[in-house]
């Protein structure tokens, strides 16, 4: 099913962005919660996106796979997510641990 409309983020909290540069993947988390629905999209540039929603239809986060250079505003725009109350300059950026680091723990 192809979705062409814009999705809105209700939260005012800046997102947490988890990036795995080795896998060319990132997750932009706007809020915590159980995922009830996921809508998948692909950009013209070949990036795969998955927008996760809770049971009330609110955006939980955006998964992005296949980027060469991560750009938060481009990921949000490509997913057609509008977050008018979010200050993206305050986003928390975290690198995911590498597999070797997980095995050593």
PDB file of N, CA and C in Angstrom:
ATOM      1  N   UNK A   1       0.848  -1.175   0.000  1.00  0.00           N
ATOM      2  CA  UNK A   1       0.000   0.000   0.000  1.00  0.00           C
ATOM      3  C   UNK A   1       0.890   1.234   0.000  1.00  0.00           C
ATOM      4  N   UNK A   2       0.622   2.135  -0.896  1.00  0.00           N
ATOM      5  CA  UNK A   2       1.438   3.338  -1.015  1.00  0.00           C
ATOM      6  C   UNK A   2       0.772   4.483  -0.265  1.00  0.00           C
ATOM      7  N   UNK A   3       1.523   5.101   0.615  1.00  0.00           N
ATOM      8  CA  UNK A   3       1.037   6.229   1.410  1.00  0.00           C
ATOM      9  C   UNK A   3       1.688   7.504   0.867  1.00  0.00           C
ATOM     10  N   UNK A   4       0.873   8.508   0.565  1.00  0.00           N
ATOM     11  CA  UNK A   4       1.411   9.743   0.008  1.00  0.00           C
ATOM     12  C   UNK A   4       1.159  10.962   0.881  1.00  0.00           C
ATOM     13  N   UNK A   5       0.517  10.797   2.005  1.00  0.00           N
ATOM     14  CA  UNK A   5       0.228  11.960   2.837  1.00  0.00           C
ATOM     15  C   UNK A   5       1.298  12.149   3.902  1.00  0.00           C
ATOM     16  N   UNK A   6       1.217  13.295   4.559  1.00  0.00           N
ATOM     17  CA  UNK A   6       2.189  13.655   5.583  1.00  0.00           C
ATOM     18  C   UNK A   6       1.730  13.139   6.943  1.00  0.00           C
ATOM     19  N   UNK A   7       2.690  12.668   7.737  1.00  0.00           N
ATOM     20  CA  UNK A   7       2.431  12.179   9.085  1.00  0.00           C
ATOM     21  C   UNK A   7       2.940  13.221  10.073  1.00  0.00           C
ATOM     22  N   UNK A   8       2.217  13.419  11.162  1.00  0.00           N
ATOM     23  CA  UNK A   8       2.568  14.464  12.117  1.00  0.00           C
ATOM     24  C   UNK A   8       3.064  13.886  13.433  1.00  0.00           C
ATOM     25  N   UNK A   9       4.085  14.531  13.987  1.00  0.00           N
ATOM     26  CA  UNK A   9       4.611  14.184  15.305  1.00  0.00           C
ATOM     27  C   UNK A   9       3.953  15.130  16.298  1.00  0.00           C
ATOM     28  N   UNK A  10       3.291  14.569  17.301  1.00  0.00           N
ATOM     29  CA  UNK A  10       2.597  15.372  18.303  1.00  0.00           C
ATOM     30  C   UNK A  10       3.545  15.876  19.385  1.00  0.00           C
ATOM     31  N   UNK A  11       4.607  15.127  19.645  1.00  0.00           N
ATOM     32  CA  UNK A  11       5.541  15.437  20.731  1.00  0.00           C
ATOM     33  C   UNK A  11       6.315  16.721  20.469  1.00  0.00           C
ATOM     34  N   UNK A  12       6.732  17.366  21.555  1.00  0.00           N
ATOM     35  CA  UNK A  12       7.596  18.542  21.462  1.00  0.00           C
ATOM     36  C   UNK A  12       9.037  18.183  21.799  1.00  0.00           C
ATOM     37  N   UNK A  13       9.241  16.944  22.233  1.00  0.00           N
ATOM     38  CA  UNK A  13      10.555  16.481  22.661  1.00  0.00           C
ATOM     39  C   UNK A  13      11.460  16.237  21.459  1.00  0.00           C
ATOM     40  N   UNK A  14      12.701  16.688  21.556  1.00  0.00           N
ATOM     41  CA  UNK A  14      13.670  16.435  20.490  1.00  0.00           C
ATOM     42  C   UNK A  14      13.913  14.935  20.389  1.00  0.00           C
ATOM     43  N   UNK A  15      14.102  14.416  19.175  1.00  0.00           N
ATOM     44  CA  UNK A  15      14.274  12.981  19.013  1.00  0.00           C
ATOM     45  C   UNK A  15      15.656  12.495  19.449  1.00  0.00           C
ATOM     46  N   UNK A  16      15.723  11.193  19.669  1.00  0.00           N
ATOM     47  CA  UNK A  16      16.999  10.514  19.858  1.00  0.00           C
ATOM     48  C   UNK A  16      17.292   9.794  18.552  1.00  0.00           C
ATOM     49  N   UNK A  17      18.485   9.987  18.029  1.00  0.00           N
ATOM     50  CA  UNK A  17      18.871   9.369  16.762  1.00  0.00           C
ATOM     51  C   UNK A  17      19.955   8.344  17.042  1.00  0.00           C
ATOM     52  N   UNK A  18      19.678   7.092  16.703  1.00  0.00           N
ATOM     53  CA  UNK A  18      20.634   6.009  16.869  1.00  0.00           C
ATOM     54  C   UNK A  18      21.182   5.670  15.488  1.00  0.00           C
ATOM     55  N   UNK A  19      22.496   5.797  15.319  1.00  0.00           N
ATOM     56  CA  UNK A  19      23.105   5.604  14.001  1.00  0.00           C
ATOM     57  C   UNK A  19      24.084   4.441  14.030  1.00  0.00           C
ATOM     58  N   UNK A  20      23.987   3.589  13.012  1.00  0.00           N
ATOM     59  CA  UNK A  20      24.951   2.514  12.794  1.00  0.00           C
ATOM     60  C   UNK A  20      25.596   2.786  11.435  1.00  0.00           C
ATOM     61  N   UNK A  21      26.761   3.440  11.464  1.00  0.00           N
ATOM     62  CA  UNK A  21      27.414   3.820  10.212  1.00  0.00           C
ATOM     63  C   UNK A  21      27.888   2.614   9.420  1.00  0.00           C
ATOM     64  N   UNK A  22      28.249   1.521  10.099  1.00  0.00           N
ATOM     65  CA  UNK A  22      28.689   0.318   9.401  1.00  0.00           C
ATOM     66  C   UNK A  22      27.576  -0.276   8.538  1.00  0.00           C
ATOM     67  N   UNK A  23      26.343  -0.191   9.036  1.00  0.00           N
ATOM     68  CA  UNK A  23      25.190  -0.742   8.312  1.00  0.00           C
ATOM     69  C   UNK A  23      24.467   0.304   7.475  1.00  0.00           C
ATOM     70  N   UNK A  24      24.922   1.548   7.536  1.00  0.00           N
ATOM     71  CA  UNK A  24      24.260   2.655   6.829  1.00  0.00           C
ATOM     72  C   UNK A  24      22.788   2.738   7.250  1.00  0.00           C
ATOM     73  N   UNK A  25      22.562   2.639   8.571  1.00  0.00           N
ATOM     74  CA  UNK A  25      21.199   2.634   9.109  1.00  0.00           C
ATOM     75  C   UNK A  25      21.085   3.591  10.287  1.00  0.00           C
ATOM     76  N   UNK A  26      19.875   4.107  10.480  1.00  0.00           N
ATOM     77  CA  UNK A  26      19.608   4.999  11.606  1.00  0.00           C
ATOM     78  C   UNK A  26      18.156   4.851  12.026  1.00  0.00           C
ATOM     79  N   UNK A  27      17.897   5.151  13.299  1.00  0.00           N
ATOM     80  CA  UNK A  27      16.520   5.194  13.797  1.00  0.00           C
ATOM     81  C   UNK A  27      16.322   6.529  14.495  1.00  0.00           C
ATOM     82  N   UNK A  28      15.333   7.283  14.046  1.00  0.00           N
ATOM     83  CA  UNK A  28      14.988   8.576  14.630  1.00  0.00           C
ATOM     84  C   UNK A  28      13.787   8.324  15.546  1.00  0.00           C
ATOM     85  N   UNK A  29      14.013   8.342  16.859  1.00  0.00           N
ATOM     86  CA  UNK A  29      12.965   8.016  17.831  1.00  0.00           C
ATOM     87  C   UNK A  29      12.371   9.302  18.410  1.00  0.00           C
ATOM     88  N   UNK A  30      11.082   9.509  18.140  1.00  0.00           N
ATOM     89  CA  UNK A  30      10.377  10.674  18.672  1.00  0.00           C
ATOM     90  C   UNK A  30       9.769  10.393  20.046  1.00  0.00           C
ATOM     91  N   UNK A  31       9.427   9.127  20.289  1.00  0.00           N
ATOM     92  CA  UNK A  31       8.853   8.746  21.581  1.00  0.00           C
ATOM     93  C   UNK A  31       8.993   7.245  21.750  1.00  0.00           C
ATOM     94  N   UNK A  32       8.849   6.784  22.990  1.00  0.00           N
ATOM     95  CA  UNK A  32       8.870   5.354  23.270  1.00  0.00           C
ATOM     96  C   UNK A  32       7.455   4.812  23.136  1.00  0.00           C
ATOM     97  N   UNK A  33       7.355   3.542  22.854  1.00  0.00           N
ATOM     98  CA  UNK A  33       6.045   2.922  22.765  1.00  0.00           C
ATOM     99  C   UNK A  33       6.095   1.658  21.941  1.00  0.00           C
ATOM    100  N   UNK A  34       5.010   0.934  21.982  1.00  0.00           N
ATOM    101  CA  UNK A  34       4.878  -0.303  21.231  1.00  0.00           C
ATOM    102  C   UNK A  34       4.430   0.023  19.803  1.00  0.00           C
ATOM    103  N   UNK A  35       5.126  -0.541  18.844  1.00  0.00           N
ATOM    104  CA  UNK A  35       4.790  -0.306  17.441  1.00  0.00           C
ATOM    105  C   UNK A  35       3.564  -1.131  17.066  1.00  0.00           C
ATOM    106  N   UNK A  36       2.539  -0.440  16.560  1.00  0.00           N
ATOM    107  CA  UNK A  36       1.309  -1.100  16.133  1.00  0.00           C
ATOM    108  C   UNK A  36       1.224  -1.216  14.613  1.00  0.00           C
ATOM    109  N   UNK A  37       1.940  -0.329  13.907  1.00  0.00           N
ATOM    110  CA  UNK A  37       1.871  -0.313  12.443  1.00  0.00           C
ATOM    111  C   UNK A  37       3.159   0.287  11.902  1.00  0.00           C
ATOM    112  N   UNK A  38       3.610  -0.241  10.785  1.00  0.00           N
ATOM    113  CA  UNK A  38       4.789   0.287  10.106  1.00  0.00           C
ATOM    114  C   UNK A  38       4.452   0.498   8.638  1.00  0.00           C
ATOM    115  N   UNK A  39       4.835   1.656   8.126  1.00  0.00           N
ATOM    116  CA  UNK A  39       4.660   1.943   6.699  1.00  0.00           C
ATOM    117  C   UNK A  39       6.049   2.048   6.083  1.00  0.00           C
ATOM    118  N   UNK A  40       6.286   1.269   5.043  1.00  0.00           N
ATOM    119  CA  UNK A  40       7.585   1.246   4.369  1.00  0.00           C
ATOM    120  C   UNK A  40       7.551   2.134   3.130  1.00  0.00           C
ATOM    121  N   UNK A  41       8.668   2.795   2.877  1.00  0.00           N
ATOM    122  CA  UNK A  41       8.823   3.659   1.700  1.00  0.00           C
ATOM    123  C   UNK A  41      10.231   3.489   1.158  1.00  0.00           C
ATOM    124  N   UNK A  42      10.431   3.847  -0.085  1.00  0.00           N
ATOM    125  CA  UNK A  42      11.775   3.885  -0.661  1.00  0.00           C
ATOM    126  C   UNK A  42      11.921   5.211  -1.402  1.00  0.00           C
ATOM    127  N   UNK A  43      13.066   5.871  -1.184  1.00  0.00           N
ATOM    128  CA  UNK A  43      13.302   7.152  -1.850  1.00  0.00           C
ATOM    129  C   UNK A  43      13.838   6.903  -3.256  1.00  0.00           C
ATOM    130  N   UNK A  44      13.818   7.941  -4.067  1.00  0.00           N
ATOM    131  CA  UNK A  44      14.356   7.843  -5.416  1.00  0.00           C
ATOM    132  C   UNK A  44      15.846   7.516  -5.393  1.00  0.00           C
ATOM    133  N   UNK A  45      16.531   7.916  -4.321  1.00  0.00           N
ATOM    134  CA  UNK A  45      17.961   7.647  -4.179  1.00  0.00           C
ATOM    135  C   UNK A  45      18.273   6.255  -3.652  1.00  0.00           C
ATOM    136  N   UNK A  46      17.249   5.441  -3.390  1.00  0.00           N
ATOM    137  CA  UNK A  46      17.455   4.075  -2.949  1.00  0.00           C
ATOM    138  C   UNK A  46      17.463   3.863  -1.446  1.00  0.00           C
ATOM    139  N   UNK A  47      17.218   4.917  -0.675  1.00  0.00           N
ATOM    140  CA  UNK A  47      17.163   4.763   0.772  1.00  0.00           C
ATOM    141  C   UNK A  47      15.821   4.143   1.151  1.00  0.00           C
ATOM    142  N   UNK A  48      15.855   3.157   2.045  1.00  0.00           N
ATOM    143  CA  UNK A  48      14.646   2.513   2.544  1.00  0.00           C
ATOM    144  C   UNK A  48      14.240   3.181   3.853  1.00  0.00           C
ATOM    145  N   UNK A  49      12.953   3.467   3.984  1.00  0.00           N
ATOM    146  CA  UNK A  49      12.425   4.101   5.187  1.00  0.00           C
ATOM    147  C   UNK A  49      11.292   3.256   5.743  1.00  0.00           C
ATOM    148  N   UNK A  50      11.168   3.233   7.046  1.00  0.00           N
ATOM    149  CA  UNK A  50      10.039   2.593   7.713  1.00  0.00           C
ATOM    150  C   UNK A  50       9.578   3.545   8.811  1.00  0.00           C
ATOM    151  N   UNK A  51       8.312   3.956   8.743  1.00  0.00           N
ATOM    152  CA  UNK A  51       7.756   4.860   9.741  1.00  0.00           C
ATOM    153  C   UNK A  51       6.912   4.021  10.690  1.00  0.00           C
ATOM    154  N   UNK A  52       7.252   4.051  11.983  1.00  0.00           N
ATOM    155  CA  UNK A  52       6.551   3.273  13.001  1.00  0.00           C
ATOM    156  C   UNK A  52       5.523   4.140  13.705  1.00  0.00           C
ATOM    157  N   UNK A  53       4.337   3.542  13.957  1.00  0.00           N
ATOM    158  CA  UNK A  53       3.227   4.233  14.618  1.00  0.00           C
ATOM    159  C   UNK A  53       2.756   3.427  15.823  1.00  0.00           C
ATOM    160  N   UNK A  54       2.232   4.124  16.828  1.00  0.00           N
ATOM    161  CA  UNK A  54       1.626   3.427  17.954  1.00  0.00           C
ATOM    162  C   UNK A  54       0.155   3.148  17.639  1.00  0.00           C
ATOM    163  N   UNK A  55      -0.562   2.583  18.604  1.00  0.00           N
ATOM    164  CA  UNK A  55      -1.961   2.204  18.375  1.00  0.00           C
ATOM    165  C   UNK A  55      -2.888   3.399  18.169  1.00  0.00           C
ATOM    166  N   UNK A  56      -2.443   4.596  18.568  1.00  0.00           N
ATOM    167  CA  UNK A  56      -3.248   5.815  18.361  1.00  0.00           C
ATOM    168  C   UNK A  56      -2.896   6.517  17.055  1.00  0.00           C
ATOM    169  N   UNK A  57      -1.960   5.934  16.288  1.00  0.00           N
ATOM    170  CA  UNK A  57      -1.575   6.512  15.007  1.00  0.00           C
ATOM    171  C   UNK A  57      -0.514   7.585  15.103  1.00  0.00           C
ATOM    172  N   UNK A  58       0.105   7.728  16.273  1.00  0.00           N
ATOM    173  CA  UNK A  58       1.160   8.727  16.446  1.00  0.00           C
ATOM    174  C   UNK A  58       2.503   8.140  16.021  1.00  0.00           C
ATOM    175  N   UNK A  59       3.343   8.970  15.418  1.00  0.00           N
ATOM    176  CA  UNK A  59       4.652   8.530  14.959  1.00  0.00           C
ATOM    177  C   UNK A  59       5.552   8.243  16.153  1.00  0.00           C
ATOM    178  N   UNK A  60       6.097   7.025  16.180  1.00  0.00           N
ATOM    179  CA  UNK A  60       7.086   6.656  17.192  1.00  0.00           C
ATOM    180  C   UNK A  60       8.481   6.969  16.671  1.00  0.00           C
ATOM    181  N   UNK A  61       8.731   6.586  15.415  1.00  0.00           N
ATOM    182  CA  UNK A  61      10.061   6.820  14.870  1.00  0.00           C
ATOM    183  C   UNK A  61      10.162   6.483  13.399  1.00  0.00           C
ATOM    184  N   UNK A  62      11.336   6.778  12.852  1.00  0.00           N
ATOM    185  CA  UNK A  62      11.623   6.530  11.439  1.00  0.00           C
ATOM    186  C   UNK A  62      12.917   5.728  11.342  1.00  0.00           C
ATOM    187  N   UNK A  63      12.854   4.601  10.675  1.00  0.00           N
ATOM    188  CA  UNK A  63      14.065   3.821  10.398  1.00  0.00           C
ATOM    189  C   UNK A  63      14.528   4.172   8.993  1.00  0.00           C
ATOM    190  N   UNK A  64      15.805   4.374   8.841  1.00  0.00           N
ATOM    191  CA  UNK A  64      16.404   4.732   7.554  1.00  0.00           C
ATOM    192  C   UNK A  64      17.552   3.772   7.278  1.00  0.00           C
ATOM    193  N   UNK A  65      17.526   3.143   6.115  1.00  0.00           N
ATOM    194  CA  UNK A  65      18.580   2.205   5.732  1.00  0.00           C
ATOM    195  C   UNK A  65      19.038   2.539   4.313  1.00  0.00           C
ATOM    196  N   UNK A  66      20.346   2.579   4.130  1.00  0.00           N
ATOM    197  CA  UNK A  66      20.885   2.753   2.786  1.00  0.00           C
ATOM    198  C   UNK A  66      21.372   4.152   2.465  1.00  0.00           C
ATOM    199  N   UNK A  67      21.715   4.934   3.478  1.00  0.00           N
ATOM    200  CA  UNK A  67      22.242   6.271   3.207  1.00  0.00           C
ATOM    201  C   UNK A  67      23.762   6.215   3.147  1.00  0.00           C
ATOM    202  N   UNK A  68      24.346   7.110   2.371  1.00  0.00           N
ATOM    203  CA  UNK A  68      25.800   7.236   2.330  1.00  0.00           C
ATOM    204  C   UNK A  68      26.283   8.298   3.313  1.00  0.00           C
ATOM    205  N   UNK A  69      25.459   9.307   3.505  1.00  0.00           N
ATOM    206  CA  UNK A  69      25.756  10.388   4.443  1.00  0.00           C
ATOM    207  C   UNK A  69      24.460  10.721   5.167  1.00  0.00           C
ATOM    208  N   UNK A  70      24.464  10.596   6.500  1.00  0.00           N
ATOM    209  CA  UNK A  70      23.234  10.809   7.255  1.00  0.00           C
ATOM    210  C   UNK A  70      22.917  12.294   7.369  1.00  0.00           C
ATOM    211  N   UNK A  71      21.652  12.640   7.102  1.00  0.00           N
ATOM    212  CA  UNK A  71      21.163  14.002   7.222  1.00  0.00           C
ATOM    213  C   UNK A  71      19.767  13.925   7.831  1.00  0.00           C
ATOM    214  N   UNK A  72      19.633  14.356   9.080  1.00  0.00           N
ATOM    215  CA  UNK A  72      18.374  14.225   9.807  1.00  0.00           C
ATOM    216  C   UNK A  72      17.205  14.891   9.092  1.00  0.00           C
ATOM    217  N   UNK A  73      17.391  16.095   8.627  1.00  0.00           N
ATOM    218  CA  UNK A  73      16.270  16.798   7.973  1.00  0.00           C
ATOM    219  C   UNK A  73      15.859  16.110   6.676  1.00  0.00           C
ATOM    220  N   UNK A  74      16.809  15.535   5.953  1.00  0.00           N
ATOM    221  CA  UNK A  74      16.461  14.823   4.713  1.00  0.00           C
ATOM    222  C   UNK A  74      15.697  13.534   4.996  1.00  0.00           C
ATOM    223  N   UNK A  75      16.065  12.828   6.063  1.00  0.00           N
ATOM    224  CA  UNK A  75      15.348  11.603   6.429  1.00  0.00           C
ATOM    225  C   UNK A  75      13.913  11.933   6.815  1.00  0.00           C
ATOM    226  N   UNK A  76      13.718  12.947   7.644  1.00  0.00           N
ATOM    227  CA  UNK A  76      12.378  13.344   8.082  1.00  0.00           C
ATOM    228  C   UNK A  76      11.544  13.810   6.888  1.00  0.00           C
ATOM    229  N   UNK A  77      12.130  14.584   6.004  1.00  0.00           N
ATOM    230  CA  UNK A  77      11.408  15.064   4.815  1.00  0.00           C
ATOM    231  C   UNK A  77      11.054  13.910   3.881  1.00  0.00           C
ATOM    232  N   UNK A  78      11.985  12.992   3.664  1.00  0.00           N
ATOM    233  CA  UNK A  78      11.740  11.859   2.769  1.00  0.00           C
ATOM    234  C   UNK A  78      10.630  10.957   3.304  1.00  0.00           C
ATOM    235  N   UNK A  79      10.528  10.862   4.632  1.00  0.00           N
ATOM    236  CA  UNK A  79       9.480  10.050   5.252  1.00  0.00           C
ATOM    237  C   UNK A  79       8.136  10.782   5.270  1.00  0.00           C
ATOM    238  N   UNK A  80       8.141  12.038   4.882  1.00  0.00           N
ATOM    239  CA  UNK A  80       6.955  12.898   4.901  1.00  0.00           C
ATOM    240  C   UNK A  80       6.379  13.000   6.309  1.00  0.00           C
ATOM    241  N   UNK A  81       7.293  13.244   7.249  1.00  0.00           N
ATOM    242  CA  UNK A  81       6.906  13.439   8.645  1.00  0.00           C
ATOM    243  C   UNK A  81       7.078  14.914   8.979  1.00  0.00           C
ATOM    244  N   UNK A  82       6.021  15.506   9.506  1.00  0.00           N
ATOM    245  CA  UNK A  82       6.047  16.912   9.896  1.00  0.00           C
ATOM    246  C   UNK A  82       6.053  16.980  11.422  1.00  0.00           C
ATOM    247  N   UNK A  83       7.029  17.662  11.963  1.00  0.00           N
ATOM    248  CA  UNK A  83       7.164  17.801  13.411  1.00  0.00           C
ATOM    249  C   UNK A  83       7.343  19.275  13.743  1.00  0.00           C
ATOM    250  N   UNK A  84       6.271  20.059  13.617  1.00  0.00           N
ATOM    251  CA  UNK A  84       6.394  21.513  13.755  1.00  0.00           C
ATOM    252  C   UNK A  84       6.823  21.996  15.140  1.00  0.00           C
ATOM    253  N   UNK A  85       6.610  21.187  16.180  1.00  0.00           N
ATOM    254  CA  UNK A  85       6.941  21.607  17.538  1.00  0.00           C
ATOM    255  C   UNK A  85       8.267  21.061  18.044  1.00  0.00           C
ATOM    256  N   UNK A  86       8.989  20.342  17.181  1.00  0.00           N
ATOM    257  CA  UNK A  86      10.239  19.700  17.583  1.00  0.00           C
ATOM    258  C   UNK A  86      11.432  20.570  17.206  1.00  0.00           C
ATOM    259  N   UNK A  87      12.319  20.784  18.156  1.00  0.00           N
ATOM    260  CA  UNK A  87      13.559  21.511  17.900  1.00  0.00           C
ATOM    261  C   UNK A  87      14.644  20.477  17.578  1.00  0.00           C
ATOM    262  N   UNK A  88      14.871  20.252  16.289  1.00  0.00           N
ATOM    263  CA  UNK A  88      15.816  19.224  15.857  1.00  0.00           C
ATOM    264  C   UNK A  88      17.258  19.560  16.226  1.00  0.00           C
ATOM    265  N   UNK A  89      17.529  20.817  16.520  1.00  0.00           N
ATOM    266  CA  UNK A  89      18.891  21.177  16.925  1.00  0.00           C
ATOM    267  C   UNK A  89      19.239  20.577  18.289  1.00  0.00           C
ATOM    268  N   UNK A  90      18.227  20.114  19.025  1.00  0.00           N
ATOM    269  CA  UNK A  90      18.455  19.512  20.335  1.00  0.00           C
ATOM    270  C   UNK A  90      18.404  17.980  20.289  1.00  0.00           C
ATOM    271  N   UNK A  91      18.388  17.417  19.093  1.00  0.00           N
ATOM    272  CA  UNK A  91      18.343  15.958  18.953  1.00  0.00           C
ATOM    273  C   UNK A  91      19.567  15.331  19.595  1.00  0.00           C
ATOM    274  N   UNK A  92      19.368  14.198  20.245  1.00  0.00           N
ATOM    275  CA  UNK A  92      20.458  13.443  20.851  1.00  0.00           C
ATOM    276  C   UNK A  92      20.925  12.412  19.826  1.00  0.00           C
ATOM    277  N   UNK A  93      22.193  12.466  19.468  1.00  0.00           N
ATOM    278  CA  UNK A  93      22.752  11.545  18.479  1.00  0.00           C
ATOM    279  C   UNK A  93      23.576  10.496  19.208  1.00  0.00           C
ATOM    280  N   UNK A  94      23.273   9.226  18.940  1.00  0.00           N
ATOM    281  CA  UNK A  94      24.005   8.125  19.563  1.00  0.00           C
ATOM    282  C   UNK A  94      24.462   7.151  18.485  1.00  0.00           C
ATOM    283  N   UNK A  95      25.680   6.683  18.641  1.00  0.00           N
ATOM    284  CA  UNK A  95      26.195   5.641  17.763  1.00  0.00           C
ATOM    285  C   UNK A  95      25.845   4.298  18.381  1.00  0.00           C
ATOM    286  N   UNK A  96      25.350   3.378  17.571  1.00  0.00           N
ATOM    287  CA  UNK A  96      25.056   2.046  18.099  1.00  0.00           C
ATOM    288  C   UNK A  96      26.366   1.305  18.324  1.00  0.00           C
ATOM    289  N   UNK A  97      26.418   0.441  19.334  1.00  0.00           N
ATOM    290  CA  UNK A  97      27.661  -0.295  19.586  1.00  0.00           C
ATOM    291  C   UNK A  97      27.968  -1.258  18.439  1.00  0.00           C
ATOM    292  N   UNK A  98      29.244  -1.411  18.158  1.00  0.00           N
ATOM    293  CA  UNK A  98      29.651  -2.366  17.132  1.00  0.00           C
ATOM    294  C   UNK A  98      29.515  -3.774  17.687  1.00  0.00           C
ATOM    295  N   UNK A  99      29.378  -4.719  16.807  1.00  0.00           N
ATOM    296  CA  UNK A  99      29.203  -6.113  17.195  1.00  0.00           C
ATOM    297  C   UNK A  99      30.337  -6.586  18.129  1.00  0.00           C
ATOM    298  N   UNK A 100      31.577  -6.156  17.838  1.00  0.00           N
ATOM    299  CA  UNK A 100      32.705  -6.559  18.666  1.00  0.00           C
ATOM    300  C   UNK A 100      32.543  -6.040  20.090  1.00  0.00           C
ATOM    301  N   UNK A 101      32.030  -4.822  20.226  1.00  0.00           N
ATOM    302  CA  UNK A 101      31.820  -4.239  21.549  1.00  0.00           C
ATOM    303  C   UNK A 101      30.746  -5.004  22.321  1.00  0.00           C
ATOM    304  N   UNK A 102      29.704  -5.455  21.616  1.00  0.00           N
ATOM    305  CA  UNK A 102      28.640  -6.210  22.263  1.00  0.00           C
ATOM    306  C   UNK A 102      29.153  -7.561  22.743  1.00  0.00           C
ATOM    307  N   UNK A 103      29.989  -8.219  21.930  1.00  0.00           N
ATOM    308  CA  UNK A 103      30.524  -9.535  22.290  1.00  0.00           C
ATOM    309  C   UNK A 103      31.490  -9.448  23.466  1.00  0.00           C
ATOM    310  N   UNK A 104      32.185  -8.337  23.589  1.00  0.00           N
ATOM    311  CA  UNK A 104      33.171  -8.165  24.664  1.00  0.00           C
ATOM    312  C   UNK A 104      32.498  -7.852  25.997  1.00  0.00           C
ATOM    313  N   UNK A 105      31.282  -7.359  25.954  1.00  0.00           N
ATOM    314  CA  UNK A 105      30.578  -6.958  27.193  1.00  0.00           C
ATOM    315  C   UNK A 105      30.108  -8.136  28.009  1.00  0.00           C
TER     316      UNK A 105
END
